[in-house]
Amino acid sequence: MKNTIFATSVLCTLGSVATAACHDFGADSTSQAPEVIICYGVKCDLTRLEVRCNGGGNNFTDYEVGWRFGYTYNVHSDDDSMDKYIHWKGEVIPPEEWEKIRFFNLKDGIAIEVE
């Protein structure tokens, strides 16, 4: 999996680093969550964005079928580093498996792979 997935689905750092801002699409009746396809190996899931949190230390994007893409921003480290992680239904996907993940945004019914 390329780092772009993190940039498009997780690294939404437009808010302040000091405060977390979350958008729960399930609780928000005014906007519809974007649909995506997430593939892991030969299995693909059509799903919707569920919750996106960014700004504080733990930043993540959850999808309805159980995917979580996230990172923890190490605010107290000297190099301002990030620890990235991916979970599937609570289970950690090790970094050496990330290349097996493909991510597609759906736009007007057309799947466009995020590279």
N, C-alpha and C. Protein backbone atom coordinates (compact mmCIF):
# COMPACT_ATOMS: atom_id res chain seq x y z
N MET A 1 0.84 -1.17 0.00
CA MET A 1 0.00 0.00 0.00
C MET A 1 0.88 1.23 0.00
N LYS A 2 0.50 2.16 -0.76
CA LYS A 2 1.30 3.38 -0.88
C LYS A 2 0.95 4.37 0.23
N ASN A 3 1.88 5.26 0.51
CA ASN A 3 1.64 6.27 1.54
C ASN A 3 0.49 7.19 1.18
N THR A 4 0.10 7.22 -0.08
CA THR A 4 -0.99 8.09 -0.50
C THR A 4 -2.29 7.74 0.19
N ILE A 5 -2.50 6.46 0.48
CA ILE A 5 -3.72 6.08 1.18
C ILE A 5 -3.81 6.83 2.49
N PHE A 6 -2.70 6.93 3.18
CA PHE A 6 -2.71 7.68 4.42
C PHE A 6 -3.00 9.15 4.17
N ALA A 7 -2.44 9.68 3.10
CA ALA A 7 -2.64 11.10 2.80
C ALA A 7 -4.09 11.38 2.47
N THR A 8 -4.76 10.50 1.77
CA THR A 8 -6.13 10.77 1.36
C THR A 8 -7.17 10.35 2.38
N SER A 9 -6.89 9.28 3.13
CA SER A 9 -7.92 8.81 4.04
C SER A 9 -7.64 9.06 5.50
N VAL A 10 -6.42 9.42 5.83
CA VAL A 10 -6.07 9.55 7.23
C VAL A 10 -5.43 10.87 7.59
N LEU A 11 -4.49 11.32 6.82
CA LEU A 11 -3.70 12.48 7.20
C LEU A 11 -4.43 13.78 6.90
N CYS A 12 -5.52 13.96 7.57
CA CYS A 12 -6.32 15.17 7.40
C CYS A 12 -5.95 16.13 8.51
N THR A 13 -4.83 16.76 8.36
CA THR A 13 -4.30 17.56 9.46
C THR A 13 -4.56 19.05 9.28
N LEU A 14 -5.69 19.38 8.72
CA LEU A 14 -6.01 20.79 8.55
C LEU A 14 -6.37 21.47 9.86
N GLY A 15 -6.80 20.68 10.84
CA GLY A 15 -7.17 21.25 12.13
C GLY A 15 -5.96 21.47 13.00
N SER A 16 -6.21 21.95 14.17
CA SER A 16 -5.14 22.18 15.13
C SER A 16 -4.59 20.86 15.64
N VAL A 17 -3.28 20.81 15.87
CA VAL A 17 -2.66 19.61 16.40
C VAL A 17 -3.06 19.40 17.85
N ALA A 18 -3.44 20.44 18.54
CA ALA A 18 -3.74 20.34 19.96
C ALA A 18 -5.12 19.76 20.24
N THR A 19 -6.05 19.85 19.34
CA THR A 19 -7.41 19.36 19.59
C THR A 19 -7.83 18.39 18.50
N ALA A 20 -8.50 17.34 18.93
CA ALA A 20 -8.99 16.35 17.97
C ALA A 20 -10.34 16.80 17.42
N ALA A 21 -10.50 16.64 16.13
CA ALA A 21 -11.78 16.95 15.48
C ALA A 21 -12.26 15.67 14.81
N CYS A 22 -13.44 15.21 15.19
CA CYS A 22 -13.98 13.98 14.63
C CYS A 22 -15.28 14.27 13.92
N HIS A 23 -15.47 13.53 12.84
CA HIS A 23 -16.73 13.59 12.11
C HIS A 23 -17.27 12.17 12.06
N ASP A 24 -18.42 11.97 12.70
CA ASP A 24 -19.10 10.68 12.73
C ASP A 24 -20.21 10.72 11.70
N PHE A 25 -19.98 10.10 10.55
CA PHE A 25 -20.97 10.14 9.48
C PHE A 25 -22.25 9.39 9.86
N GLY A 26 -22.15 8.39 10.73
CA GLY A 26 -23.33 7.66 11.18
C GLY A 26 -24.27 8.53 11.99
N ALA A 27 -23.72 9.47 12.75
CA ALA A 27 -24.53 10.36 13.58
C ALA A 27 -24.93 11.63 12.85
N ASP A 28 -24.34 11.87 11.68
CA ASP A 28 -24.60 13.09 10.92
C ASP A 28 -25.61 12.80 9.82
N SER A 29 -26.83 13.26 10.02
CA SER A 29 -27.88 13.00 9.03
C SER A 29 -27.87 14.02 7.89
N THR A 30 -26.98 15.00 7.95
CA THR A 30 -26.97 16.04 6.91
C THR A 30 -26.00 15.75 5.77
N SER A 31 -25.09 14.81 5.96
CA SER A 31 -24.15 14.51 4.88
C SER A 31 -24.01 13.00 4.72
N GLN A 32 -23.81 12.57 3.49
CA GLN A 32 -23.64 11.16 3.21
C GLN A 32 -22.16 10.83 3.16
N ALA A 33 -21.80 9.74 3.81
CA ALA A 33 -20.40 9.33 3.84
C ALA A 33 -19.96 8.85 2.46
N PRO A 34 -18.72 9.17 2.09
CA PRO A 34 -18.20 8.69 0.81
C PRO A 34 -18.09 7.16 0.79
N GLU A 35 -18.37 6.57 -0.37
CA GLU A 35 -18.19 5.14 -0.57
C GLU A 35 -16.80 4.86 -1.12
N VAL A 36 -16.21 3.77 -0.67
CA VAL A 36 -14.89 3.34 -1.14
C VAL A 36 -14.89 1.83 -1.30
N ILE A 37 -13.89 1.35 -2.01
CA ILE A 37 -13.62 -0.09 -2.07
C ILE A 37 -12.23 -0.28 -1.51
N ILE A 38 -12.12 -1.19 -0.54
CA ILE A 38 -10.83 -1.52 0.05
C ILE A 38 -10.58 -2.99 -0.21
N CYS A 39 -9.46 -3.28 -0.88
CA CYS A 39 -9.09 -4.66 -1.20
C CYS A 39 -7.88 -5.06 -0.39
N TYR A 40 -7.91 -6.28 0.10
CA TYR A 40 -6.78 -6.87 0.81
C TYR A 40 -6.53 -8.23 0.17
N GLY A 41 -5.47 -8.31 -0.60
CA GLY A 41 -5.24 -9.52 -1.38
C GLY A 41 -6.31 -9.63 -2.45
N VAL A 42 -7.05 -10.74 -2.46
CA VAL A 42 -8.10 -10.95 -3.46
C VAL A 42 -9.49 -10.60 -2.94
N LYS A 43 -9.61 -10.23 -1.66
CA LYS A 43 -10.91 -9.89 -1.07
C LYS A 43 -11.10 -8.38 -1.10
N CYS A 44 -12.25 -7.96 -1.62
CA CYS A 44 -12.57 -6.52 -1.67
C CYS A 44 -13.85 -6.24 -0.91
N ASP A 45 -13.90 -5.09 -0.26
CA ASP A 45 -15.07 -4.65 0.48
C ASP A 45 -15.56 -3.32 -0.06
N LEU A 46 -16.84 -3.26 -0.39
CA LEU A 46 -17.50 -1.99 -0.69
C LEU A 46 -17.99 -1.47 0.65
N THR A 47 -17.58 -0.27 1.02
CA THR A 47 -17.91 0.25 2.34
C THR A 47 -18.04 1.77 2.29
N ARG A 48 -18.44 2.32 3.40
CA ARG A 48 -18.54 3.78 3.55
C ARG A 48 -17.65 4.23 4.70
N LEU A 49 -17.20 5.45 4.58
CA LEU A 49 -16.48 6.10 5.66
C LEU A 49 -17.43 6.19 6.85
N GLU A 50 -16.93 5.86 8.03
CA GLU A 50 -17.78 5.90 9.22
C GLU A 50 -17.41 7.06 10.13
N VAL A 51 -16.14 7.10 10.54
CA VAL A 51 -15.66 8.15 11.45
C VAL A 51 -14.27 8.57 10.99
N ARG A 52 -14.02 9.87 11.01
CA ARG A 52 -12.69 10.40 10.73
C ARG A 52 -12.33 11.34 11.87
N CYS A 53 -11.19 11.07 12.52
CA CYS A 53 -10.70 11.92 13.60
C CYS A 53 -9.29 12.39 13.25
N ASN A 54 -9.06 13.66 13.42
CA ASN A 54 -7.73 14.21 13.16
C ASN A 54 -7.48 15.40 14.06
N GLY A 55 -6.21 15.66 14.30
CA GLY A 55 -5.84 16.84 15.05
C GLY A 55 -5.06 16.55 16.30
N GLY A 56 -5.50 15.58 17.11
CA GLY A 56 -4.80 15.29 18.36
C GLY A 56 -3.68 14.30 18.14
N GLY A 57 -3.39 13.53 19.17
CA GLY A 57 -2.32 12.55 19.06
C GLY A 57 -2.69 11.35 18.20
N ASN A 58 -3.89 10.78 18.39
CA ASN A 58 -4.32 9.61 17.62
C ASN A 58 -5.28 10.08 16.53
N ASN A 59 -4.90 9.85 15.30
CA ASN A 59 -5.70 10.26 14.14
C ASN A 59 -6.07 9.00 13.37
N PHE A 60 -7.32 8.88 12.97
CA PHE A 60 -7.72 7.66 12.29
C PHE A 60 -8.93 7.89 11.40
N THR A 61 -9.13 6.93 10.50
CA THR A 61 -10.31 6.89 9.65
C THR A 61 -10.87 5.48 9.76
N ASP A 62 -12.13 5.38 10.17
CA ASP A 62 -12.81 4.09 10.29
C ASP A 62 -13.79 3.93 9.15
N TYR A 63 -13.91 2.69 8.68
CA TYR A 63 -14.88 2.35 7.65
C TYR A 63 -15.87 1.34 8.21
N GLU A 64 -17.10 1.34 7.70
CA GLU A 64 -18.19 0.54 8.26
C GLU A 64 -17.89 -0.94 8.37
N VAL A 65 -17.12 -1.52 7.46
CA VAL A 65 -16.87 -2.96 7.48
C VAL A 65 -15.75 -3.38 8.42
N GLY A 66 -15.09 -2.44 9.09
CA GLY A 66 -14.09 -2.80 10.09
C GLY A 66 -12.67 -2.36 9.83
N TRP A 67 -12.40 -1.66 8.74
CA TRP A 67 -11.06 -1.15 8.48
C TRP A 67 -10.81 0.11 9.30
N ARG A 68 -9.59 0.25 9.80
CA ARG A 68 -9.15 1.49 10.44
C ARG A 68 -7.73 1.78 9.94
N PHE A 69 -7.56 2.97 9.39
CA PHE A 69 -6.26 3.47 8.96
C PHE A 69 -5.93 4.63 9.88
N GLY A 70 -4.76 4.62 10.47
CA GLY A 70 -4.47 5.70 11.40
C GLY A 70 -3.00 5.93 11.62
N TYR A 71 -2.77 6.94 12.42
CA TYR A 71 -1.42 7.25 12.85
C TYR A 71 -1.50 7.99 14.17
N THR A 72 -0.45 7.86 14.93
CA THR A 72 -0.31 8.61 16.17
C THR A 72 0.81 9.61 15.96
N TYR A 73 0.51 10.86 16.13
CA TYR A 73 1.48 11.93 15.96
C TYR A 73 2.23 12.09 17.27
N ASN A 74 3.52 11.89 17.23
CA ASN A 74 4.36 11.97 18.42
C ASN A 74 4.72 13.42 18.70
N VAL A 75 3.83 14.10 19.39
CA VAL A 75 3.99 15.54 19.62
C VAL A 75 5.17 15.87 20.53
N HIS A 76 5.61 14.92 21.31
CA HIS A 76 6.70 15.21 22.24
C HIS A 76 8.05 14.69 21.74
N SER A 77 8.08 14.16 20.55
CA SER A 77 9.36 13.66 20.02
C SER A 77 10.12 14.80 19.36
N ASP A 78 11.41 14.63 19.24
CA ASP A 78 12.25 15.67 18.64
C ASP A 78 12.06 15.79 17.14
N ASP A 79 11.65 14.70 16.49
CA ASP A 79 11.54 14.73 15.03
C ASP A 79 10.10 14.83 14.52
N ASP A 80 9.14 15.08 15.39
CA ASP A 80 7.72 15.16 15.01
C ASP A 80 7.32 13.98 14.13
N SER A 81 7.59 12.79 14.59
CA SER A 81 7.33 11.59 13.80
C SER A 81 5.89 11.10 13.98
N MET A 82 5.50 10.17 13.10
CA MET A 82 4.18 9.56 13.15
C MET A 82 4.35 8.05 13.15
N ASP A 83 3.56 7.38 13.96
CA ASP A 83 3.50 5.92 13.97
C ASP A 83 2.21 5.52 13.26
N LYS A 84 2.35 4.94 12.05
CA LYS A 84 1.19 4.55 11.26
C LYS A 84 0.74 3.16 11.64
N TYR A 85 -0.57 2.90 11.47
CA TYR A 85 -1.10 1.57 11.74
C TYR A 85 -2.33 1.32 10.87
N ILE A 86 -2.61 0.04 10.66
CA ILE A 86 -3.82 -0.39 9.95
C ILE A 86 -4.41 -1.55 10.73
N HIS A 87 -5.72 -1.49 10.97
CA HIS A 87 -6.43 -2.57 11.66
C HIS A 87 -7.57 -3.07 10.78
N TRP A 88 -7.84 -4.33 10.87
CA TRP A 88 -9.02 -4.94 10.23
C TRP A 88 -9.78 -5.64 11.35
N LYS A 89 -10.96 -5.11 11.68
CA LYS A 89 -11.81 -5.64 12.75
C LYS A 89 -11.01 -5.82 14.04
N GLY A 90 -10.19 -4.82 14.36
CA GLY A 90 -9.43 -4.81 15.59
C GLY A 90 -8.09 -5.53 15.53
N GLU A 91 -7.85 -6.29 14.48
CA GLU A 91 -6.58 -7.01 14.33
C GLU A 91 -5.58 -6.14 13.58
N VAL A 92 -4.35 -6.12 14.06
CA VAL A 92 -3.30 -5.32 13.43
C VAL A 92 -2.87 -5.98 12.12
N ILE A 93 -2.78 -5.20 11.06
CA ILE A 93 -2.20 -5.63 9.80
C ILE A 93 -0.73 -5.19 9.85
N PRO A 94 0.21 -6.14 9.83
CA PRO A 94 1.62 -5.74 9.94
C PRO A 94 2.08 -4.95 8.72
N PRO A 95 3.01 -4.02 8.90
CA PRO A 95 3.48 -3.17 7.79
C PRO A 95 3.94 -3.95 6.57
N GLU A 96 4.50 -5.13 6.75
CA GLU A 96 4.95 -5.90 5.60
C GLU A 96 3.79 -6.42 4.75
N GLU A 97 2.56 -6.33 5.25
CA GLU A 97 1.37 -6.74 4.51
C GLU A 97 0.66 -5.56 3.83
N TRP A 98 1.07 -4.34 4.11
CA TRP A 98 0.37 -3.16 3.60
C TRP A 98 0.34 -3.08 2.09
N GLU A 99 1.34 -3.63 1.42
CA GLU A 99 1.38 -3.59 -0.04
C GLU A 99 0.24 -4.40 -0.66
N LYS A 100 -0.38 -5.28 0.12
CA LYS A 100 -1.50 -6.09 -0.38
C LYS A 100 -2.81 -5.31 -0.35
N ILE A 101 -2.81 -4.12 0.22
CA ILE A 101 -4.03 -3.33 0.35
C ILE A 101 -4.13 -2.36 -0.82
N ARG A 102 -5.29 -2.36 -1.45
CA ARG A 102 -5.57 -1.40 -2.53
C ARG A 102 -6.82 -0.64 -2.13
N PHE A 103 -6.85 0.63 -2.45
CA PHE A 103 -7.90 1.54 -2.00
C PHE A 103 -8.47 2.27 -3.22
N PHE A 104 -9.79 2.26 -3.35
CA PHE A 104 -10.46 2.90 -4.47
C PHE A 104 -11.52 3.87 -3.96
N ASN A 105 -11.49 5.09 -4.45
CA ASN A 105 -12.57 6.04 -4.22
C ASN A 105 -13.63 5.80 -5.28
N LEU A 106 -14.89 5.97 -4.91
CA LEU A 106 -15.97 5.85 -5.90
C LEU A 106 -16.46 7.24 -6.25
N LYS A 107 -16.49 7.54 -7.53
CA LYS A 107 -16.97 8.84 -7.99
C LYS A 107 -17.91 8.59 -9.17
N ASP A 108 -19.15 8.96 -8.97
CA ASP A 108 -20.19 8.74 -9.99
C ASP A 108 -20.24 7.28 -10.43
N GLY A 109 -20.11 6.36 -9.48
CA GLY A 109 -20.19 4.94 -9.78
C GLY A 109 -18.94 4.34 -10.38
N ILE A 110 -17.88 5.11 -10.50
CA ILE A 110 -16.63 4.63 -11.09
C ILE A 110 -15.58 4.53 -9.97
N ALA A 111 -14.91 3.38 -9.90
CA ALA A 111 -13.86 3.17 -8.91
C ALA A 111 -12.54 3.70 -9.44
N ILE A 112 -11.93 4.59 -8.65
CA ILE A 112 -10.65 5.20 -9.04
C ILE A 112 -9.64 4.83 -7.95
N GLU A 113 -8.61 4.08 -8.37
CA GLU A 113 -7.61 3.63 -7.39
C GLU A 113 -6.78 4.80 -6.90
N VAL A 114 -6.60 4.82 -5.58
CA VAL A 114 -5.75 5.84 -4.97
C VAL A 114 -4.34 5.30 -4.99
N GLU A 115 -3.43 6.06 -5.59
CA GLU A 115 -2.03 5.61 -5.68
C GLU A 115 -1.13 6.51 -4.88
